[in-house]
């Protein structure tokens, strides 16, 4: 609910997978800031950037946030793309969404495995 509030214009994330899913579902543009472990791989997967372990400077974060929330055409395109991805993610998890058959298949397989054990 917080991420979907109209006052939230973007999200600075540590690149944990759940953070990505929450940001995409909320339709938010994201500033990635991986800290350790698999977070660098998640960032690369989503943004196709090089791995870095540099300490971020306050000025760099400020610049990224101002760009993300700014009026430049590229920033507006990023926000629109994020909204489109959010809409697609919400549709995918609806009862008739594209994820439903896979989810039901998983449930049926787990039921089948359980009945075989009994």
Protein backbone atom coordinates (compact mmCIF):
# COMPACT_ATOMS: atom_id res chain seq x y z
CA UNK A 1 0.00 0.00 0.00
CA UNK A 2 2.83 2.39 0.80
CA UNK A 3 4.63 1.85 -2.50
CA UNK A 4 1.39 2.37 -4.44
CA UNK A 5 0.66 5.72 -2.77
CA UNK A 6 0.56 8.54 -5.35
CA UNK A 7 3.20 10.50 -3.40
CA UNK A 8 5.81 7.79 -4.03
CA UNK A 9 7.61 8.63 -7.24
CA UNK A 10 10.28 5.93 -7.18
CA UNK A 11 12.19 3.50 -5.03
CA UNK A 12 15.84 3.14 -3.99
CA UNK A 13 16.30 -0.61 -3.55
CA UNK A 14 19.09 -2.82 -2.25
CA UNK A 15 18.36 -5.30 -5.06
CA UNK A 16 16.85 -8.06 -2.98
CA UNK A 17 14.53 -10.06 -5.21
CA UNK A 18 11.42 -9.28 -3.15
CA UNK A 19 12.21 -5.56 -3.41
CA UNK A 20 12.27 -5.88 -7.19
CA UNK A 21 8.96 -7.71 -7.22
CA UNK A 22 7.34 -5.15 -4.93
CA UNK A 23 8.67 -2.25 -7.01
CA UNK A 24 7.57 -3.75 -10.31
CA UNK A 25 4.13 -4.64 -8.98
CA UNK A 26 3.72 -1.08 -7.67
CA UNK A 27 4.78 0.25 -11.07
CA UNK A 28 7.69 2.24 -9.68
CA UNK A 29 10.92 3.22 -11.39
CA UNK A 30 13.86 2.08 -9.29
CA UNK A 31 17.34 3.22 -8.38
CA UNK A 32 19.40 0.11 -7.70
CA UNK A 33 21.90 0.01 -4.84
CA UNK A 34 23.16 -3.55 -4.28
CA UNK A 35 25.11 -4.11 -1.08
CA UNK A 36 26.24 -7.76 -0.98
CA UNK A 37 25.80 -11.35 -2.11
CA UNK A 38 23.32 -12.08 -4.90
CA UNK A 39 22.08 -8.48 -5.00
CA UNK A 40 24.74 -7.63 -7.60
CA UNK A 41 23.48 -10.46 -9.83
CA UNK A 42 19.89 -9.27 -9.41
CA UNK A 43 20.91 -5.76 -10.42
CA UNK A 44 22.78 -7.03 -13.45
CA UNK A 45 19.84 -9.23 -14.45
CA UNK A 46 17.42 -6.32 -14.29
CA UNK A 47 19.59 -3.45 -15.47
CA UNK A 48 22.42 -5.13 -17.42
CA UNK A 49 25.03 -3.06 -15.58
CA UNK A 50 28.53 -3.96 -14.49
CA UNK A 51 29.09 -5.23 -10.96
CA UNK A 52 30.50 -2.61 -8.62
CA UNK A 53 31.14 -2.54 -4.91
CA UNK A 54 31.90 1.16 -4.67
CA UNK A 55 30.51 3.19 -1.80
CA UNK A 56 27.84 5.50 -3.13
CA UNK A 57 28.36 9.18 -2.46
CA UNK A 58 25.53 11.37 -1.25
CA UNK A 59 25.83 13.51 -4.37
CA UNK A 60 25.41 10.47 -6.66
CA UNK A 61 22.27 9.38 -4.84
CA UNK A 62 20.88 12.90 -4.96
CA UNK A 63 21.60 13.13 -8.68
CA UNK A 64 19.87 9.78 -9.36
CA UNK A 65 16.78 10.69 -7.32
CA UNK A 66 16.48 14.12 -8.95
CA UNK A 67 16.78 12.52 -12.38
CA UNK A 68 14.19 9.85 -11.56
CA UNK A 69 11.67 12.40 -10.30
CA UNK A 70 12.59 15.08 -12.84
CA UNK A 71 10.83 16.28 -15.95
CA UNK A 72 13.35 15.03 -18.53
CA UNK A 73 11.87 12.93 -21.32
CA UNK A 74 14.03 9.91 -20.46
CA UNK A 75 12.86 10.00 -16.81
CA UNK A 76 9.23 10.26 -17.93
CA UNK A 77 9.74 7.26 -20.23
CA UNK A 78 11.22 5.28 -17.32
CA UNK A 79 8.21 6.08 -15.12
CA UNK A 80 5.79 5.13 -17.92
CA UNK A 81 7.62 1.84 -18.52
CA UNK A 82 7.54 1.11 -14.79
CA UNK A 83 3.77 1.73 -14.74
CA UNK A 84 3.31 -0.60 -17.72
CA UNK A 85 5.34 -3.33 -16.02
CA UNK A 86 3.30 -2.85 -12.85
CA UNK A 87 0.04 -3.28 -14.77
CA UNK A 88 1.38 -6.41 -16.48
CA UNK A 89 2.56 -7.86 -13.15
CA UNK A 90 -0.83 -7.29 -11.51
CA UNK A 91 -2.65 -8.86 -14.48
CA UNK A 92 -0.34 -11.89 -14.38
CA UNK A 93 -1.34 -12.76 -10.82
CA UNK A 94 -5.09 -12.27 -11.25
CA UNK A 95 -7.31 -15.36 -11.27
CA UNK A 96 -7.34 -15.42 -15.07
CA UNK A 97 -3.76 -14.17 -15.38
CA UNK A 98 -0.84 -15.86 -17.11
CA UNK A 99 0.62 -17.08 -13.80
CA UNK A 100 -2.57 -18.92 -12.80
CA UNK A 101 -1.96 -22.13 -14.83
CA UNK A 102 1.60 -22.43 -13.50
CA UNK A 103 0.48 -21.81 -9.94
CA UNK A 104 -2.34 -24.35 -10.21
CA UNK A 105 0.09 -26.82 -11.79
CA UNK A 106 2.41 -26.43 -8.80
CA UNK A 107 -0.44 -26.96 -6.34
CA UNK A 108 -1.62 -30.07 -8.18
CA UNK A 109 1.91 -31.48 -8.29
CA UNK A 110 2.35 -30.90 -4.56
CA UNK A 111 -1.00 -32.59 -3.87
CA UNK A 112 0.07 -35.50 -6.03
CA UNK A 113 3.36 -35.86 -4.15
CA UNK A 114 1.55 -35.71 -0.83
CA UNK A 115 -0.93 -38.41 -1.84
CA UNK A 116 1.95 -40.66 -3.01
CA UNK A 117 3.59 -40.34 0.41
CA UNK A 118 0.42 -41.42 2.21
